[in-house]
Amino acid sequence: MPSEYVLKRPVMDMNRVQKTAKKLIEESSEDRSLALELMNYYRDMVEANPNDNTSKSLMVDCLKLAQSSKDKVIRVIDLLVKMEAATSKTNNTKATGNDNASVFSALEELSND
């Protein structure tokens, strides 16, 4: 009969959270560059035909997408900074007895701020 696998480290430790955040930032950067590329394409279409309202609205949507991806990167970095501050604060005050708090719950609390 197989035995239950016991994790040696927490599932969401600091290194894994940082690796995931790095991947999200890279993907967001790629999304932003694609959105700006599409915006330039639609801008060229608008320059060719100034009465093309569909291209104008799609150009605006591309700009919104590019801005949204940039906002999400800022949000991820903000959460990482808050998480680092919270973990360093808990490491400095070990006397509280709250060593079993997971990184995931700390991130969830910080995202609610």
N, C-alpha and C. Protein backbone atom coordinates (compact mmCIF):
# COMPACT_ATOMS: atom_id res chain seq x y z
N MET A 1 0.84 -1.17 0.00
CA MET A 1 0.00 0.00 0.00
C MET A 1 0.89 1.24 0.00
N PRO A 2 0.60 2.22 -0.88
CA PRO A 2 1.44 3.42 -0.94
C PRO A 2 1.27 4.29 0.30
N SER A 3 2.36 4.90 0.68
CA SER A 3 2.31 5.79 1.83
C SER A 3 2.03 7.22 1.36
N GLU A 4 1.50 8.02 2.26
CA GLU A 4 1.17 9.41 1.95
C GLU A 4 2.45 10.23 1.88
N TYR A 5 2.56 11.06 0.85
CA TYR A 5 3.73 11.89 0.67
C TYR A 5 3.67 13.08 1.62
N VAL A 6 4.72 13.29 2.37
CA VAL A 6 4.80 14.39 3.31
C VAL A 6 5.78 15.42 2.73
N LEU A 7 5.30 16.65 2.59
CA LEU A 7 6.13 17.71 2.05
C LEU A 7 7.25 18.08 3.00
N LYS A 8 8.43 18.33 2.45
CA LYS A 8 9.56 18.72 3.27
C LYS A 8 9.57 20.22 3.53
N ARG A 9 9.00 21.00 2.59
CA ARG A 9 8.91 22.45 2.72
C ARG A 9 7.47 22.86 2.45
N PRO A 10 7.09 24.06 2.87
CA PRO A 10 5.73 24.53 2.58
C PRO A 10 5.50 24.63 1.07
N VAL A 11 4.25 24.43 0.67
CA VAL A 11 3.91 24.47 -0.75
C VAL A 11 4.16 25.85 -1.34
N MET A 12 3.79 26.87 -0.62
CA MET A 12 3.96 28.24 -1.10
C MET A 12 5.04 28.96 -0.28
N ASP A 13 6.28 28.53 -0.42
CA ASP A 13 7.35 29.23 0.28
C ASP A 13 7.77 30.48 -0.49
N MET A 14 8.62 31.27 0.08
CA MET A 14 8.99 32.57 -0.48
C MET A 14 9.61 32.44 -1.87
N ASN A 15 10.47 31.44 -2.06
CA ASN A 15 11.12 31.27 -3.36
C ASN A 15 10.11 30.95 -4.46
N ARG A 16 9.15 30.10 -4.17
CA ARG A 16 8.14 29.73 -5.17
C ARG A 16 7.24 30.93 -5.50
N VAL A 17 6.91 31.72 -4.50
CA VAL A 17 6.09 32.91 -4.73
C VAL A 17 6.86 33.90 -5.61
N GLN A 18 8.15 34.08 -5.34
CA GLN A 18 8.95 35.00 -6.14
C GLN A 18 9.10 34.50 -7.57
N LYS A 19 9.27 33.19 -7.74
CA LYS A 19 9.39 32.62 -9.08
C LYS A 19 8.09 32.80 -9.86
N THR A 20 6.95 32.59 -9.20
CA THR A 20 5.65 32.77 -9.85
C THR A 20 5.44 34.24 -10.20
N ALA A 21 5.81 35.14 -9.31
CA ALA A 21 5.67 36.57 -9.57
C ALA A 21 6.53 37.00 -10.75
N LYS A 22 7.73 36.46 -10.84
CA LYS A 22 8.63 36.77 -11.96
C LYS A 22 8.01 36.32 -13.27
N LYS A 23 7.42 35.13 -13.26
CA LYS A 23 6.78 34.61 -14.47
C LYS A 23 5.58 35.48 -14.86
N LEU A 24 4.79 35.90 -13.88
CA LEU A 24 3.65 36.77 -14.16
C LEU A 24 4.09 38.12 -14.74
N ILE A 25 5.16 38.65 -14.23
CA ILE A 25 5.67 39.93 -14.72
C ILE A 25 6.16 39.79 -16.16
N GLU A 26 6.86 38.69 -16.45
CA GLU A 26 7.33 38.46 -17.82
C GLU A 26 6.16 38.30 -18.79
N GLU A 27 5.14 37.53 -18.38
CA GLU A 27 3.97 37.34 -19.25
C GLU A 27 3.22 38.65 -19.45
N SER A 28 3.13 39.46 -18.42
CA SER A 28 2.45 40.73 -18.52
C SER A 28 3.20 41.67 -19.46
N SER A 29 4.52 41.64 -19.40
CA SER A 29 5.33 42.45 -20.31
C SER A 29 5.10 42.04 -21.76
N GLU A 30 5.01 40.74 -21.99
CA GLU A 30 4.74 40.23 -23.34
C GLU A 30 3.34 40.67 -23.80
N ASP A 31 2.36 40.56 -22.91
CA ASP A 31 1.00 41.00 -23.25
C ASP A 31 0.97 42.48 -23.58
N ARG A 32 1.70 43.27 -22.82
CA ARG A 32 1.73 44.72 -23.05
C ARG A 32 2.33 45.04 -24.40
N SER A 33 3.43 44.37 -24.75
CA SER A 33 4.07 44.66 -26.04
C SER A 33 3.17 44.23 -27.19
N LEU A 34 2.46 43.11 -27.05
CA LEU A 34 1.53 42.69 -28.10
C LEU A 34 0.36 43.67 -28.24
N ALA A 35 -0.13 44.17 -27.12
CA ALA A 35 -1.23 45.14 -27.16
C ALA A 35 -0.78 46.44 -27.82
N LEU A 36 0.43 46.88 -27.52
CA LEU A 36 0.94 48.11 -28.15
C LEU A 36 1.19 47.90 -29.64
N GLU A 37 1.63 46.71 -30.01
CA GLU A 37 1.81 46.39 -31.43
C GLU A 37 0.48 46.44 -32.17
N LEU A 38 -0.55 45.87 -31.56
CA LEU A 38 -1.89 45.92 -32.16
C LEU A 38 -2.42 47.35 -32.22
N MET A 39 -2.14 48.12 -31.20
CA MET A 39 -2.58 49.52 -31.19
C MET A 39 -1.96 50.28 -32.35
N ASN A 40 -0.67 50.04 -32.62
CA ASN A 40 -0.01 50.68 -33.76
C ASN A 40 -0.63 50.24 -35.09
N TYR A 41 -1.01 48.97 -35.18
CA TYR A 41 -1.67 48.46 -36.38
C TYR A 41 -3.00 49.18 -36.61
N TYR A 42 -3.80 49.28 -35.57
CA TYR A 42 -5.10 49.95 -35.71
C TYR A 42 -4.94 51.45 -35.94
N ARG A 43 -3.88 52.04 -35.39
CA ARG A 43 -3.63 53.46 -35.62
C ARG A 43 -3.31 53.69 -37.10
N ASP A 44 -2.54 52.78 -37.70
CA ASP A 44 -2.26 52.89 -39.14
C ASP A 44 -3.54 52.75 -39.95
N MET A 45 -4.45 51.88 -39.50
CA MET A 45 -5.72 51.73 -40.20
C MET A 45 -6.56 53.01 -40.09
N VAL A 46 -6.51 53.65 -38.93
CA VAL A 46 -7.26 54.90 -38.74
C VAL A 46 -6.65 56.02 -39.58
N GLU A 47 -5.33 56.05 -39.69
CA GLU A 47 -4.69 57.06 -40.53
C GLU A 47 -5.07 56.88 -42.00
N ALA A 48 -5.21 55.62 -42.42
CA ALA A 48 -5.60 55.35 -43.80
C ALA A 48 -7.06 55.70 -44.05
N ASN A 49 -7.92 55.45 -43.06
CA ASN A 49 -9.35 55.73 -43.20
C ASN A 49 -9.84 56.36 -41.89
N PRO A 50 -9.86 57.70 -41.80
CA PRO A 50 -10.25 58.37 -40.55
C PRO A 50 -11.70 58.11 -40.12
N ASN A 51 -12.54 57.62 -40.99
CA ASN A 51 -13.94 57.37 -40.64
C ASN A 51 -14.18 55.95 -40.12
N ASP A 52 -13.13 55.17 -39.94
CA ASP A 52 -13.26 53.79 -39.47
C ASP A 52 -13.41 53.76 -37.95
N ASN A 53 -14.65 53.76 -37.49
CA ASN A 53 -14.92 53.80 -36.04
C ASN A 53 -14.55 52.49 -35.35
N THR A 54 -14.64 51.38 -36.05
CA THR A 54 -14.28 50.09 -35.45
C THR A 54 -12.81 50.06 -35.09
N SER A 55 -11.96 50.54 -35.98
CA SER A 55 -10.52 50.57 -35.70
C SER A 55 -10.21 51.52 -34.55
N LYS A 56 -10.94 52.62 -34.48
CA LYS A 56 -10.73 53.56 -33.37
C LYS A 56 -11.07 52.92 -32.03
N SER A 57 -12.19 52.21 -31.97
CA SER A 57 -12.58 51.58 -30.71
C SER A 57 -11.62 50.44 -30.35
N LEU A 58 -11.15 49.69 -31.35
CA LEU A 58 -10.19 48.62 -31.07
C LEU A 58 -8.84 49.19 -30.62
N MET A 59 -8.46 50.34 -31.15
CA MET A 59 -7.23 50.99 -30.73
C MET A 59 -7.33 51.39 -29.25
N VAL A 60 -8.48 51.92 -28.86
CA VAL A 60 -8.69 52.30 -27.46
C VAL A 60 -8.67 51.06 -26.56
N ASP A 61 -9.28 49.98 -27.02
CA ASP A 61 -9.27 48.74 -26.24
C ASP A 61 -7.85 48.21 -26.05
N CYS A 62 -7.02 48.32 -27.07
CA CYS A 62 -5.63 47.88 -26.97
C CYS A 62 -4.87 48.73 -25.95
N LEU A 63 -5.13 50.02 -25.94
CA LEU A 63 -4.48 50.89 -24.94
C LEU A 63 -4.93 50.55 -23.53
N LYS A 64 -6.21 50.23 -23.38
CA LYS A 64 -6.71 49.82 -22.05
C LYS A 64 -6.04 48.53 -21.60
N LEU A 65 -5.88 47.59 -22.52
CA LEU A 65 -5.23 46.32 -22.19
C LEU A 65 -3.78 46.53 -21.80
N ALA A 66 -3.08 47.38 -22.53
CA ALA A 66 -1.68 47.67 -22.20
C ALA A 66 -1.56 48.32 -20.83
N GLN A 67 -2.45 49.25 -20.52
CA GLN A 67 -2.41 49.91 -19.21
C GLN A 67 -2.78 48.94 -18.10
N SER A 68 -3.74 48.08 -18.36
CA SER A 68 -4.15 47.09 -17.37
C SER A 68 -3.01 46.13 -17.04
N SER A 69 -2.27 45.70 -18.04
CA SER A 69 -1.15 44.80 -17.78
C SER A 69 -0.07 45.48 -16.96
N LYS A 70 0.14 46.77 -17.22
CA LYS A 70 1.13 47.52 -16.44
C LYS A 70 0.66 47.68 -14.98
N ASP A 71 -0.63 47.93 -14.80
CA ASP A 71 -1.19 48.05 -13.44
C ASP A 71 -1.05 46.75 -12.66
N LYS A 72 -1.23 45.63 -13.35
CA LYS A 72 -1.12 44.33 -12.67
C LYS A 72 0.31 44.06 -12.23
N VAL A 73 1.28 44.47 -13.03
CA VAL A 73 2.68 44.31 -12.64
C VAL A 73 2.98 45.12 -11.38
N ILE A 74 2.47 46.34 -11.35
CA ILE A 74 2.68 47.18 -10.17
C ILE A 74 2.03 46.55 -8.95
N ARG A 75 0.85 45.97 -9.13
CA ARG A 75 0.13 45.31 -8.03
C ARG A 75 0.93 44.10 -7.50
N VAL A 76 1.48 43.30 -8.41
CA VAL A 76 2.27 42.13 -8.01
C VAL A 76 3.51 42.57 -7.23
N ILE A 77 4.19 43.59 -7.72
CA ILE A 77 5.40 44.07 -7.03
C ILE A 77 5.04 44.64 -5.67
N ASP A 78 3.93 45.35 -5.59
CA ASP A 78 3.47 45.89 -4.31
C ASP A 78 3.19 44.77 -3.31
N LEU A 79 2.53 43.72 -3.78
CA LEU A 79 2.24 42.59 -2.89
C LEU A 79 3.52 41.88 -2.43
N LEU A 80 4.50 41.77 -3.33
CA LEU A 80 5.76 41.14 -2.94
C LEU A 80 6.50 41.97 -1.89
N VAL A 81 6.48 43.28 -2.06
CA VAL A 81 7.14 44.15 -1.07
C VAL A 81 6.43 44.04 0.28
N LYS A 82 5.09 44.04 0.27
CA LYS A 82 4.35 43.92 1.52
C LYS A 82 4.60 42.56 2.17
N MET A 83 4.67 41.51 1.34
CA MET A 83 4.90 40.18 1.88
C MET A 83 6.29 40.09 2.50
N GLU A 84 7.27 40.66 1.83
CA GLU A 84 8.63 40.65 2.35
C GLU A 84 8.71 41.41 3.67
N ALA A 85 8.02 42.53 3.74
CA ALA A 85 8.01 43.30 4.99
C ALA A 85 7.32 42.52 6.10
N ALA A 86 6.24 41.84 5.77
CA ALA A 86 5.52 41.07 6.78
C ALA A 86 6.34 39.87 7.26
N THR A 87 7.02 39.18 6.34
CA THR A 87 7.81 38.03 6.75
C THR A 87 9.04 38.45 7.54
N SER A 88 9.66 39.58 7.16
CA SER A 88 10.82 40.04 7.93
C SER A 88 10.39 40.51 9.32
N LYS A 89 9.19 41.08 9.40
CA LYS A 89 8.66 41.52 10.69
C LYS A 89 8.39 40.32 11.59
N THR A 90 7.83 39.25 11.01
CA THR A 90 7.55 38.05 11.82
C THR A 90 8.84 37.33 12.18
N ASN A 91 9.85 37.39 11.31
CA ASN A 91 11.13 36.76 11.63
C ASN A 91 11.85 37.50 12.75
N ASN A 92 11.64 38.81 12.84
CA ASN A 92 12.27 39.60 13.89
C ASN A 92 11.58 39.39 15.24
N THR A 93 10.31 39.05 15.22
CA THR A 93 9.56 38.85 16.46
C THR A 93 9.11 37.40 16.54
N LYS A 94 10.04 36.49 16.75
CA LYS A 94 9.74 35.06 16.83
C LYS A 94 8.96 34.71 18.09
N ALA A 95 8.92 35.58 19.05
CA ALA A 95 8.29 35.29 20.33
C ALA A 95 6.77 35.23 20.22
N THR A 96 6.19 35.60 19.11
CA THR A 96 4.74 35.60 18.99
C THR A 96 4.17 34.19 18.92
N GLY A 97 4.96 33.23 18.44
CA GLY A 97 4.48 31.86 18.36
C GLY A 97 3.65 31.59 17.12
N ASN A 98 3.63 32.47 16.16
CA ASN A 98 2.84 32.31 14.94
C ASN A 98 3.74 31.90 13.79
N ASP A 99 4.58 30.88 14.00
CA ASP A 99 5.53 30.45 12.98
C ASP A 99 4.88 29.62 11.90
N ASN A 100 3.70 29.06 12.16
CA ASN A 100 3.05 28.17 11.20
C ASN A 100 2.19 28.90 10.19
N ALA A 101 2.17 30.22 10.21
CA ALA A 101 1.38 30.99 9.23
C ALA A 101 1.99 30.79 7.85
N SER A 102 1.17 30.44 6.89
CA SER A 102 1.69 30.17 5.56
C SER A 102 1.85 31.47 4.77
N VAL A 103 2.67 31.41 3.76
CA VAL A 103 2.89 32.56 2.89
C VAL A 103 1.62 32.89 2.14
N PHE A 104 0.85 31.86 1.78
CA PHE A 104 -0.38 32.08 1.02
C PHE A 104 -1.37 32.90 1.84
N SER A 105 -1.52 32.59 3.10
CA SER A 105 -2.45 33.37 3.93
C SER A 105 -1.93 34.79 4.13
N ALA A 106 -0.62 34.95 4.20
CA ALA A 106 -0.05 36.30 4.31
C ALA A 106 -0.33 37.10 3.05
N LEU A 107 -0.19 36.48 1.89
CA LEU A 107 -0.50 37.16 0.63
C LEU A 107 -1.97 37.52 0.55
N GLU A 108 -2.82 36.63 1.00
CA GLU A 108 -4.26 36.89 0.96
C GLU A 108 -4.61 38.07 1.87
N GLU A 109 -4.00 38.13 3.04
CA GLU A 109 -4.26 39.24 3.95
C GLU A 109 -3.76 40.55 3.35
N LEU A 110 -2.58 40.53 2.71
CA LEU A 110 -2.04 41.74 2.12
C LEU A 110 -2.87 42.20 0.91
N SER A 111 -3.41 41.27 0.17
CA SER A 111 -4.22 41.66 -0.99
C SER A 111 -5.54 42.29 -0.59
N ASN A 112 -6.00 42.00 0.63
CA ASN A 112 -7.24 42.60 1.12
C ASN A 112 -7.05 44.01 1.64
N ASP A 113 -5.78 44.42 1.85
CA ASP A 113 -5.51 45.79 2.33
C ASP A 113 -5.83 46.83 1.29
